[in-house]
C-alpha atoms as a PDB file:
ATOM      1  CA  MET A   1    -105.295-173.259  29.931  1.00  0.00           C
ATOM      2  CA  THR A   2    -108.160-171.492  31.208  1.00  0.00           C
ATOM      3  CA  ASP A   3    -110.761-169.418  30.399  1.00  0.00           C
ATOM      4  CA  MET A   4    -110.142-166.958  32.874  1.00  0.00           C
ATOM      5  CA  LYS A   5    -108.995-163.485  31.383  1.00  0.00           C
ATOM      6  CA  THR A   6    -105.848-162.152  32.229  1.00  0.00           C
ATOM      7  CA  ALA A   7    -104.389-158.669  32.052  1.00  0.00           C
ATOM      8  CA  ILE A   8    -100.769-157.832  31.716  1.00  0.00           C
ATOM      9  CA  ILE A   9     -99.630-154.219  33.107  1.00  0.00           C
ATOM     10  CA  THR A  10     -96.021-153.314  33.132  1.00  0.00           C
ATOM     11  CA  ASP A  11     -94.563-149.596  33.856  1.00  0.00           C
ATOM     12  CA  SER A  12     -92.884-147.488  31.577  1.00  0.00           C
ATOM     13  CA  ASN A  13     -89.863-148.209  32.357  1.00  0.00           C
ATOM     14  CA  SER A  14     -90.310-151.066  29.297  1.00  0.00           C
ATOM     15  CA  GLY A  15     -90.281-147.931  27.006  1.00  0.00           C
ATOM     16  CA  ILE A  16     -93.723-148.723  26.277  1.00  0.00           C
ATOM     17  CA  SER A  17     -95.813-145.577  25.681  1.00  0.00           C
ATOM     18  CA  PRO A  18     -99.953-146.049  26.901  1.00  0.00           C
ATOM     19  CA  GLU A  19    -100.453-145.282  22.933  1.00  0.00           C
ATOM     20  CA  LYS A  20     -97.915-148.379  22.304  1.00  0.00           C
ATOM     21  CA  GLY A  21     -99.559-150.220  25.246  1.00  0.00           C
ATOM     22  CA  LYS A  22    -103.022-149.649  23.703  1.00  0.00           C
ATOM     23  CA  LYS A  23    -101.474-151.588  20.405  1.00  0.00           C
ATOM     24  CA  LEU A  24    -100.224-154.575  22.685  1.00  0.00           C
ATOM     25  CA  GLY A  25    -102.919-155.036  24.405  1.00  0.00           C
ATOM     26  CA  VAL A  26    -101.658-154.133  27.693  1.00  0.00           C
ATOM     27  CA  PHE A  27    -101.878-151.922  30.439  1.00  0.00           C
ATOM     28  CA  VAL A  28     -98.471-149.026  31.451  1.00  0.00           C
ATOM     29  CA  VAL A  29     -97.893-147.750  35.016  1.00  0.00           C
ATOM     30  CA  PRO A  30     -96.695-144.290  34.383  1.00  0.00           C
ATOM     31  CA  MET A  31     -93.177-143.653  36.565  1.00  0.00           C
ATOM     32  CA  PRO A  32     -93.085-140.267  38.582  1.00  0.00           C
ATOM     33  CA  ILE A  33     -90.690-137.746  36.929  1.00  0.00           C
ATOM     34  CA  ILE A  34     -89.633-134.828  39.588  1.00  0.00           C
ATOM     35  CA  ILE A  35     -88.473-131.638  38.295  1.00  0.00           C
ATOM     36  CA  ASP A  36     -87.645-129.206  41.136  1.00  0.00           C
ATOM     37  CA  ASP A  37     -90.361-129.826  43.174  1.00  0.00           C
ATOM     38  CA  ALA A  38     -93.071-130.851  40.574  1.00  0.00           C
ATOM     39  CA  THR A  39     -94.026-134.354  39.792  1.00  0.00           C
ATOM     40  CA  TYR A  40     -95.081-135.621  36.434  1.00  0.00           C
ATOM     41  CA  PHE A  41     -95.812-138.828  35.076  1.00  0.00           C
ATOM     42  CA  GLU A  42     -94.002-140.258  32.147  1.00  0.00           C
ATOM     43  CA  ASN A  43     -95.947-139.857  28.615  1.00  0.00           C
ATOM     44  CA  VAL A  44     -99.159-138.537  30.698  1.00  0.00           C
ATOM     45  CA  ASP A  45     -98.043-135.200  31.385  1.00  0.00           C
ATOM     46  CA  ILE A  46     -94.687-134.631  30.099  1.00  0.00           C
ATOM     47  CA  THR A  47     -92.977-135.274  26.777  1.00  0.00           C
ATOM     48  CA  ARG A  48     -89.798-136.756  25.741  1.00  0.00           C
ATOM     49  CA  GLY A  49     -88.555-132.925  24.574  1.00  0.00           C
ATOM     50  CA  GLU A  50     -89.675-131.410  27.630  1.00  0.00           C
ATOM     51  CA  PHE A  51     -87.927-133.723  29.844  1.00  0.00           C
ATOM     52  CA  PHE A  52     -84.744-133.369  28.386  1.00  0.00           C
ATOM     53  CA  GLU A  53     -85.344-129.506  27.892  1.00  0.00           C
ATOM     54  CA  ALA A  54     -85.400-129.187  31.935  1.00  0.00           C
ATOM     55  CA  GLN A  55     -82.630-131.779  31.945  1.00  0.00           C
ATOM     56  CA  ALA A  56     -80.174-129.569  29.651  1.00  0.00           C
ATOM     57  CA  SER A  57     -81.246-126.718  31.247  1.00  0.00           C
ATOM     58  CA  GLY A  58     -79.540-127.852  34.795  1.00  0.00           C
ATOM     59  CA  LYS A  59     -82.658-128.510  36.278  1.00  0.00           C
ATOM     60  CA  ASN A  60     -82.850-130.972  39.156  1.00  0.00           C
ATOM     61  CA  VAL A  61     -84.793-134.097  37.640  1.00  0.00           C
ATOM     62  CA  SER A  62     -85.280-137.592  39.080  1.00  0.00           C
ATOM     63  CA  SER A  63     -87.064-140.391  39.054  1.00  0.00           C
ATOM     64  CA  SER A  64     -88.968-141.791  41.875  1.00  0.00           C
ATOM     65  CA  GLN A  65     -91.317-145.123  42.393  1.00  0.00           C
ATOM     66  CA  PRO A  66     -95.246-145.485  41.573  1.00  0.00           C
ATOM     67  CA  SER A  67     -96.957-144.573  44.890  1.00  0.00           C
ATOM     68  CA  PRO A  68     -99.208-147.893  46.064  1.00  0.00           C
ATOM     69  CA  GLY A  69    -102.342-145.929  45.253  1.00  0.00           C
ATOM     70  CA  ASP A  70    -101.437-145.658  42.238  1.00  0.00           C
ATOM     71  CA  VAL A  71    -100.367-148.917  41.561  1.00  0.00           C
ATOM     72  CA  THR A  72    -103.616-150.756  43.302  1.00  0.00           C
ATOM     73  CA  GLN A  73    -105.883-147.905  41.564  1.00  0.00           C
ATOM     74  CA  ILE A  74    -104.989-149.229  38.141  1.00  0.00           C
ATOM     75  CA  TRP A  75    -104.996-152.913  39.346  1.00  0.00           C
ATOM     76  CA  ASP A  76    -108.498-152.201  40.593  1.00  0.00           C
ATOM     77  CA  GLU A  77    -109.684-150.731  37.611  1.00  0.00           C
ATOM     78  CA  VAL A  78    -108.183-153.555  35.199  1.00  0.00           C
ATOM     79  CA  LEU A  79    -110.228-155.869  37.759  1.00  0.00           C
ATOM     80  CA  ASN A  80    -113.691-154.475  37.512  1.00  0.00           C
ATOM     81  CA  SER A  81    -113.677-154.145  33.907  1.00  0.00           C
ATOM     82  CA  GLY A  82    -114.057-157.526  33.585  1.00  0.00           C
ATOM     83  CA  PHE A  83    -110.547-159.095  34.228  1.00  0.00           C
ATOM     84  CA  ASP A  84    -109.954-162.175  36.423  1.00  0.00           C
ATOM     85  CA  GLU A  85    -106.248-162.058  37.175  1.00  0.00           C
ATOM     86  CA  ILE A  86    -103.326-159.680  36.441  1.00  0.00           C
ATOM     87  CA  LEU A  87     -99.512-160.416  35.799  1.00  0.00           C
ATOM     88  CA  TYR A  88     -97.720-156.945  36.778  1.00  0.00           C
ATOM     89  CA  ILE A  89     -94.602-156.515  35.181  1.00  0.00           C
ATOM     90  CA  PRO A  90     -92.294-153.920  36.995  1.00  0.00           C
ATOM     91  CA  MET A  91     -88.848-153.268  36.669  1.00  0.00           C
ATOM     92  CA  SER A  92     -85.933-155.050  37.619  1.00  0.00           C
ATOM     93  CA  SER A  93     -86.154-155.648  41.336  1.00  0.00           C
ATOM     94  CA  LYS A  94     -81.956-154.784  41.679  1.00  0.00           C
ATOM     95  CA  LEU A  95     -83.230-151.191  40.143  1.00  0.00           C
ATOM     96  CA  SER A  96     -85.918-149.968  41.810  1.00  0.00           C
ATOM     97  CA  GLY A  97     -87.987-150.806  45.249  1.00  0.00           C
ATOM     98  CA  SER A  98     -91.475-150.665  42.934  1.00  0.00           C
ATOM     99  CA  CYS A  99     -91.068-154.501  42.419  1.00  0.00           C
ATOM    100  CA  ASN A 100     -90.894-155.459  46.337  1.00  0.00           C
ATOM    101  CA  THR A 101     -93.756-152.670  47.131  1.00  0.00           C
ATOM    102  CA  ALA A 102     -95.899-154.470  44.380  1.00  0.00           C
ATOM    103  CA  VAL A 103     -95.691-157.862  45.887  1.00  0.00           C
ATOM    104  CA  MET A 104     -96.657-156.762  49.291  1.00  0.00           C
ATOM    105  CA  LEU A 105     -99.753-155.350  47.339  1.00  0.00           C
ATOM    106  CA  ALA A 106    -100.460-157.815  46.147  1.00  0.00           C
ATOM    107  CA  GLU A 107    -101.120-160.034  48.972  1.00  0.00           C
ATOM    108  CA  ASP A 108    -104.235-158.129  49.642  1.00  0.00           C
ATOM    109  CA  TYR A 109    -105.396-159.408  46.074  1.00  0.00           C
ATOM    110  CA  ASP A 110    -106.135-163.134  47.116  1.00  0.00           C
ATOM    111  CA  GLY A 111    -103.815-164.441  44.125  1.00  0.00           C
ATOM    112  CA  LYS A 112    -105.525-162.599  41.850  1.00  0.00           C
ATOM    113  CA  VAL A 113    -102.523-160.297  40.917  1.00  0.00           C
ATOM    114  CA  GLN A 114     -99.395-161.769  40.556  1.00  0.00           C
ATOM    115  CA  VAL A 115     -96.075-160.299  40.488  1.00  0.00           C
ATOM    116  CA  ALA A 116     -93.360-160.923  37.927  1.00  0.00           C
ATOM    117  CA  ASP A 117     -89.662-160.394  38.918  1.00  0.00           C
ATOM    118  CA  ILE A 118     -88.071-160.695  35.770  1.00  0.00           C
ATOM    119  CA  ARG A 119     -84.848-158.535  36.758  1.00  0.00           C
ATOM    120  CA  ARG A 120     -85.086-156.180  33.353  1.00  0.00           C
ATOM    121  CA  VAL A 121     -85.687-152.753  32.333  1.00  0.00           C
ATOM    122  CA  SER A 122     -85.719-151.096  28.756  1.00  0.00           C
ATOM    123  CA  ALA A 123     -85.860-153.304  25.438  1.00  0.00           C
ATOM    124  CA  ASN A 124     -85.474-156.714  26.636  1.00  0.00           C
ATOM    125  CA  MET A 125     -88.550-156.060  29.648  1.00  0.00           C
ATOM    126  CA  ARG A 126     -90.300-154.970  26.434  1.00  0.00           C
ATOM    127  CA  ASP A 127     -89.619-158.344  25.478  1.00  0.00           C
ATOM    128  CA  ALA A 128     -91.188-159.944  28.590  1.00  0.00           C
ATOM    129  CA  VAL A 129     -94.357-158.226  28.192  1.00  0.00           C
ATOM    130  CA  VAL A 130     -94.996-159.373  24.734  1.00  0.00           C
ATOM    131  CA  LYS A 131     -94.148-162.924  25.632  1.00  0.00           C
ATOM    132  CA  ALA A 132     -96.475-162.983  28.271  1.00  0.00           C
ATOM    133  CA  LYS A 133     -99.678-161.106  26.448  1.00  0.00           C
ATOM    134  CA  LYS A 134     -98.517-164.077  23.780  1.00  0.00           C
ATOM    135  CA  MET A 135     -99.255-166.171  26.579  1.00  0.00           C
ATOM    136  CA  SER A 136    -101.935-165.074  28.371  1.00  0.00           C
ATOM    137  CA  ASP A 137    -103.959-164.811  24.940  1.00  0.00           C
ATOM    138  CA  ARG A 138    -103.478-168.657  24.723  1.00  0.00           C
ATOM    139  CA  GLY A 139    -105.126-169.267  28.171  1.00  0.00           C
ATOM    140  CA  VAL A 140    -101.678-169.814  30.336  1.00  0.00           C
ATOM    141  CA  ARG A 141    -102.805-168.228  33.636  1.00  0.00           C
ATOM    142  CA  ALA A 142    -100.618-165.452  35.262  1.00  0.00           C
ATOM    143  CA  SER A 143     -99.018-167.830  37.677  1.00  0.00           C
ATOM    144  CA  GLU A 144     -97.647-170.405  35.392  1.00  0.00           C
ATOM    145  CA  ILE A 145     -96.216-167.092  32.857  1.00  0.00           C
ATOM    146  CA  ARG A 146     -94.723-165.732  35.885  1.00  0.00           C
ATOM    147  CA  GLU A 147     -92.791-168.980  36.666  1.00  0.00           C
ATOM    148  CA  LYS A 148     -91.674-169.208  32.829  1.00  0.00           C
ATOM    149  CA  LEU A 149     -90.529-165.153  33.124  1.00  0.00           C
ATOM    150  CA  GLU A 150     -88.689-165.529  36.169  1.00  0.00           C
ATOM    151  CA  SER A 151     -86.935-168.419  34.602  1.00  0.00           C
ATOM    152  CA  GLU A 152     -85.572-166.355  32.404  1.00  0.00           C
ATOM    153  CA  THR A 153     -83.873-163.726  34.042  1.00  0.00           C
ATOM    154  CA  MET A 154     -80.128-164.392  33.190  1.00  0.00           C
ATOM    155  CA  ASP A 155     -81.004-165.469  29.343  1.00  0.00           C
ATOM    156  CA  THR A 156     -80.916-162.112  28.165  1.00  0.00           C
ATOM    157  CA  ILE A 157     -78.426-158.641  28.439  1.00  0.00           C
ATOM    158  CA  VAL A 158     -78.505-155.096  27.815  1.00  0.00           C
ATOM    159  CA  TYR A 159     -75.845-152.962  26.930  1.00  0.00           C
ATOM    160  CA  VAL A 160     -76.408-149.292  27.023  1.00  0.00           C
ATOM    161  CA  MET A 161     -73.713-146.558  25.978  1.00  0.00           C
ATOM    162  CA  VAL A 162     -73.566-143.315  27.894  1.00  0.00           C
ATOM    163  CA  ASP A 163     -72.698-140.318  25.915  1.00  0.00           C
ATOM    164  CA  THR A 164     -71.534-138.176  29.220  1.00  0.00           C
ATOM    165  CA  PHE A 165     -69.906-139.158  32.366  1.00  0.00           C
ATOM    166  CA  GLU A 166     -72.162-136.156  33.848  1.00  0.00           C
ATOM    167  CA  TYR A 167     -74.939-138.398  35.419  1.00  0.00           C
ATOM    168  CA  LEU A 168     -73.136-141.489  36.579  1.00  0.00           C
ATOM    169  CA  LYS A 169     -71.025-138.760  38.609  1.00  0.00           C
ATOM    170  CA  LYS A 170     -73.883-137.407  40.206  1.00  0.00           C
ATOM    171  CA  GLY A 171     -75.193-141.201  41.315  1.00  0.00           C
ATOM    172  CA  GLY A 172     -72.227-141.723  42.325  1.00  0.00           C
ATOM    173  CA  ARG A 173     -71.180-144.321  40.170  1.00  0.00           C
ATOM    174  CA  ILE A 174     -67.795-142.785  38.955  1.00  0.00           C
ATOM    175  CA  SER A 175     -65.457-140.857  40.952  1.00  0.00           C
ATOM    176  CA  PRO A 176     -65.649-136.803  40.067  1.00  0.00           C
ATOM    177  CA  ALA A 177     -61.964-137.525  38.951  1.00  0.00           C
ATOM    178  CA  LYS A 178     -62.206-140.234  37.038  1.00  0.00           C
ATOM    179  CA  ALA A 179     -65.117-138.413  35.406  1.00  0.00           C
ATOM    180  CA  ALA A 180     -63.017-135.146  34.364  1.00  0.00           C
ATOM    181  CA  VAL A 181     -60.643-137.715  32.576  1.00  0.00           C
ATOM    182  CA  GLY A 182     -63.182-139.950  30.943  1.00  0.00           C
ATOM    183  CA  SER A 183     -64.347-136.472  29.320  1.00  0.00           C
ATOM    184  CA  ILE A 184     -61.020-135.192  28.438  1.00  0.00           C
ATOM    185  CA  LEU A 185     -60.266-138.503  26.413  1.00  0.00           C
ATOM    186  CA  ASN A 186     -63.563-138.598  24.764  1.00  0.00           C
ATOM    187  CA  ILE A 187     -64.549-141.860  26.550  1.00  0.00           C
ATOM    188  CA  LYS A 188     -67.803-143.574  26.120  1.00  0.00           C
ATOM    189  CA  PRO A 189     -69.194-145.583  29.515  1.00  0.00           C
ATOM    190  CA  VAL A 190     -70.539-148.562  27.917  1.00  0.00           C
ATOM    191  CA  LEU A 191     -73.322-150.227  31.319  1.00  0.00           C
ATOM    192  CA  SER A 192     -74.008-153.688  31.196  1.00  0.00           C
ATOM    193  CA  ILE A 193     -77.796-155.132  32.690  1.00  0.00           C
ATOM    194  CA  TYR A 194     -77.495-158.700  33.557  1.00  0.00           C
ATOM    195  CA  ASP A 195     -79.822-160.612  35.870  1.00  0.00           C
ATOM    196  CA  GLY A 196     -81.184-156.742  36.922  1.00  0.00           C
ATOM    197  CA  GLY A 197     -78.241-155.118  37.688  1.00  0.00           C
ATOM    198  CA  LEU A 198     -76.031-152.234  36.308  1.00  0.00           C
ATOM    199  CA  ASP A 199     -72.292-152.325  36.122  1.00  0.00           C
ATOM    200  CA  VAL A 200     -70.024-150.156  33.968  1.00  0.00           C
ATOM    201  CA  TRP A 201     -68.793-153.134  31.631  1.00  0.00           C
ATOM    202  CA  LYS A 202     -66.305-151.327  29.746  1.00  0.00           C
ATOM    203  CA  LYS A 203     -65.010-147.498  28.503  1.00  0.00           C
ATOM    204  CA  CYS A 204     -64.688-146.945  24.893  1.00  0.00           C
ATOM    205  CA  ARG A 205     -62.599-144.143  23.171  1.00  0.00           C
ATOM    206  CA  GLY A 206     -65.476-142.878  21.385  1.00  0.00           C
ATOM    207  CA  LEU A 207     -68.616-143.187  20.016  1.00  0.00           C
ATOM    208  CA  LYS A 208     -67.745-145.679  16.746  1.00  0.00           C
ATOM    209  CA  LYS A 209     -65.627-147.847  19.096  1.00  0.00           C
ATOM    210  CA  ALA A 210     -68.795-147.907  21.733  1.00  0.00           C
ATOM    211  CA  LYS A 211     -70.904-149.016  18.924  1.00  0.00           C
ATOM    212  CA  ALA A 212     -68.810-152.028  17.699  1.00  0.00           C
ATOM    213  CA  SER A 213     -68.178-153.334  21.538  1.00  0.00           C
ATOM    214  CA  MET A 214     -71.796-153.588  22.311  1.00  0.00           C
ATOM    215  CA  ILE A 215     -72.202-155.371  19.266  1.00  0.00           C
ATOM    216  CA  SER A 216     -69.255-157.546  19.422  1.00  0.00           C
ATOM    217  CA  GLY A 217     -70.681-157.951  22.927  1.00  0.00           C
ATOM    218  CA  ILE A 218     -73.855-159.166  22.180  1.00  0.00           C
ATOM    219  CA  ARG A 219     -72.538-161.465  19.692  1.00  0.00           C
ATOM    220  CA  ASP A 220     -70.542-162.798  22.419  1.00  0.00           C
ATOM    221  CA  PHE A 221     -73.644-163.376  24.493  1.00  0.00           C
ATOM    222  CA  ILE A 222     -75.296-164.900  21.608  1.00  0.00           C
ATOM    223  CA  SER A 223     -72.478-167.361  21.125  1.00  0.00           C
ATOM    224  CA  GLU A 224     -72.600-168.455  25.115  1.00  0.00           C
ATOM    225  CA  LYS A 225     -76.445-168.688  25.653  1.00  0.00           C
ATOM    226  CA  TYR A 226     -77.991-169.651  22.176  1.00  0.00           C
ATOM    227  CA  PRO A 227     -75.322-171.557  20.198  1.00  0.00           C
ATOM    228  CA  ASP A 228     -77.556-173.614  18.470  1.00  0.00           C
ATOM    229  CA  ILE A 229     -80.868-171.271  17.993  1.00  0.00           C
ATOM    230  CA  PRO A 230     -81.292-169.764  14.670  1.00  0.00           C
ATOM    231  CA  GLU A 231     -80.823-165.897  14.325  1.00  0.00           C
ATOM    232  CA  SER A 232     -84.948-165.589  13.005  1.00  0.00           C
ATOM    233  CA  ARG A 233     -85.808-166.704  16.937  1.00  0.00           C
ATOM    234  CA  LEU A 234     -83.567-164.155  18.084  1.00  0.00           C
ATOM    235  CA  SER A 235     -85.017-160.899  19.480  1.00  0.00           C
ATOM    236  CA  ILE A 236     -82.473-157.988  19.059  1.00  0.00           C
ATOM    237  CA  GLY A 237     -83.676-154.877  20.888  1.00  0.00           C
ATOM    238  CA  THR A 238     -82.026-151.327  20.346  1.00  0.00           C
ATOM    239  CA  ALA A 239     -83.079-148.348  22.337  1.00  0.00           C
ATOM    240  CA  GLY A 240     -81.994-145.052  23.366  1.00  0.00           C
ATOM    241  CA  SER A 241     -82.158-141.533  24.693  1.00  0.00           C
ATOM    242  CA  LEU A 242     -81.606-139.874  21.406  1.00  0.00           C
ATOM    243  CA  THR A 243     -82.822-136.508  21.010  1.00  0.00           C
ATOM    244  CA  ASP A 244     -82.108-136.720  17.019  1.00  0.00           C
ATOM    245  CA  GLU A 245     -84.213-138.984  15.195  1.00  0.00           C
ATOM    246  CA  ARG A 246     -81.995-139.533  12.744  1.00  0.00           C
ATOM    247  CA  GLU A 247     -79.584-141.209  14.962  1.00  0.00           C
ATOM    248  CA  ALA A 248     -82.122-143.336  16.142  1.00  0.00           C
ATOM    249  CA  LYS A 249     -82.499-144.863  12.819  1.00  0.00           C
ATOM    250  CA  GLU A 250     -79.360-145.110  11.882  1.00  0.00           C
ATOM    251  CA  TRP A 251     -78.341-147.178  15.362  1.00  0.00           C
ATOM    252  CA  TYR A 252     -81.305-149.146  14.454  1.00  0.00           C
ATOM    253  CA  LYS A 253     -80.144-149.730  11.304  1.00  0.00           C
ATOM    254  CA  ALA A 254     -76.753-150.480  12.045  1.00  0.00           C
ATOM    255  CA  VAL A 255     -78.094-153.608  14.241  1.00  0.00           C
ATOM    256  CA  LYS A 256     -79.930-154.294  11.599  1.00  0.00           C
ATOM    257  CA  ASN A 257     -77.502-155.252   9.179  1.00  0.00           C
ATOM    258  CA  GLU A 258     -75.456-156.743  11.714  1.00  0.00           C
ATOM    259  CA  PHE A 259     -78.605-159.079  12.620  1.00  0.00           C
ATOM    260  CA  PRO A 260     -80.305-159.723   9.507  1.00  0.00           C
ATOM    261  CA  GLN A 261     -82.632-162.711  10.441  1.00  0.00           C
ATOM    262  CA  ALA A 262     -83.236-161.689  13.593  1.00  0.00           C
ATOM    263  CA  HIS A 263     -86.425-159.584  15.096  1.00  0.00           C
ATOM    264  CA  THR A 264     -85.388-156.489  15.504  1.00  0.00           C
ATOM    265  CA  PHE A 265     -87.255-153.209  16.917  1.00  0.00           C
ATOM    266  CA  TYR A 266     -86.256-149.687  18.654  1.00  0.00           C
ATOM    267  CA  ASN A 267     -87.508-148.606  21.497  1.00  0.00           C
ATOM    268  CA  ASP A 268     -87.092-145.213  23.703  1.00  0.00           C
ATOM    269  CA  LEU A 269     -85.165-145.778  26.881  1.00  0.00           C
ATOM    270  CA  SER A 270     -87.445-144.306  29.462  1.00  0.00           C
ATOM    271  CA  MET A 271     -87.142-141.056  31.285  1.00  0.00           C
ATOM    272  CA  SER A 272     -86.847-142.609  34.817  1.00  0.00           C
ATOM    273  CA  LEU A 273     -83.514-144.524  33.249  1.00  0.00           C
ATOM    274  CA  CYS A 274     -82.766-141.328  31.288  1.00  0.00           C
ATOM    275  CA  CYS A 275     -82.717-139.282  34.736  1.00  0.00           C
ATOM    276  CA  HIS A 276     -79.287-141.212  35.515  1.00  0.00           C
ATOM    277  CA  ILE A 277     -77.728-141.876  32.405  1.00  0.00           C
ATOM    278  CA  GLY A 278     -78.234-138.479  30.762  1.00  0.00           C
ATOM    279  CA  PRO A 279     -79.404-137.714  26.749  1.00  0.00           C
ATOM    280  CA  ASN A 280     -77.981-139.623  23.680  1.00  0.00           C
ATOM    281  CA  ALA A 281     -77.429-142.944  25.191  1.00  0.00           C
ATOM    282  CA  MET A 282     -77.555-145.712  23.176  1.00  0.00           C
ATOM    283  CA  GLY A 283     -78.945-149.354  23.830  1.00  0.00           C
ATOM    284  CA  ILE A 284     -78.894-152.697  22.420  1.00  0.00           C
ATOM    285  CA  SER A 285     -79.890-156.064  24.227  1.00  0.00           C
ATOM    286  CA  VAL A 286     -80.779-159.920  23.071  1.00  0.00           C
ATOM    287  CA  CYS A 287     -83.341-162.785  24.350  1.00  0.00           C
ATOM    288  CA  CYS A 288     -84.843-165.724  22.432  1.00  0.00           C
ATOM    289  CA  MET A 289     -88.167-165.014  21.366  1.00  0.00           C
ATOM    290  CA  GLU A 290     -91.057-167.641  22.088  1.00  0.00           C
END
């Protein structure tokens, strides 16, 4: 343990907004969102409503990684505000180049900035940020927190149900022919994010079966990874790109009913992730709390 003051910084792929970040005591780097030729920053100068409106209207919507200057500016501001060191937690290196960029940038900070490649995104990325903050509050050094988080990359999983094949087709993850057939048959693709990589896990016919499949997948993962851990020590995150708040509440309630003793929460899926999966997606994750 140490008296050094450690700041925890993440990016908005964690689903943590600047307002939530303040409540948690962490700093958030907003992800750039590009609509046609204009660049916006998630939860700074574009709202979720504006984002989904642009997506629905057929505008060219995409995401980018934060510029090196934007990242180091936040690092410098935090270090100059009284913190001795930083633990930076970006999204998975398998899904974005921002982690590798941050590792290179950190080389100029003489060990004051540690970059953790936790290979997570969304709800379980938030779990890692919360764990890191609790450890830093106990005086654990940034390097030790980084090692702890990186040792747990395969102890968590995320499932995401995508409402439409359109965005998977645009991203090249599924062929136009398969997308057309899937849409006709009301197939809902379920993606898995494990060890930082994203894959199509299952294709379920209808929303009800997709939800049940995700919950079953989480149960199977718990049985395999945490057979002797009481449910009260599990964190079950729900997430979504849901444009109807009632649907978000219903999804959270359904998961809470399935895992009544677990710590459960709801997170919005980040806009940068929604660029690739579209609106009305639903997700669920699990990890073990400290």
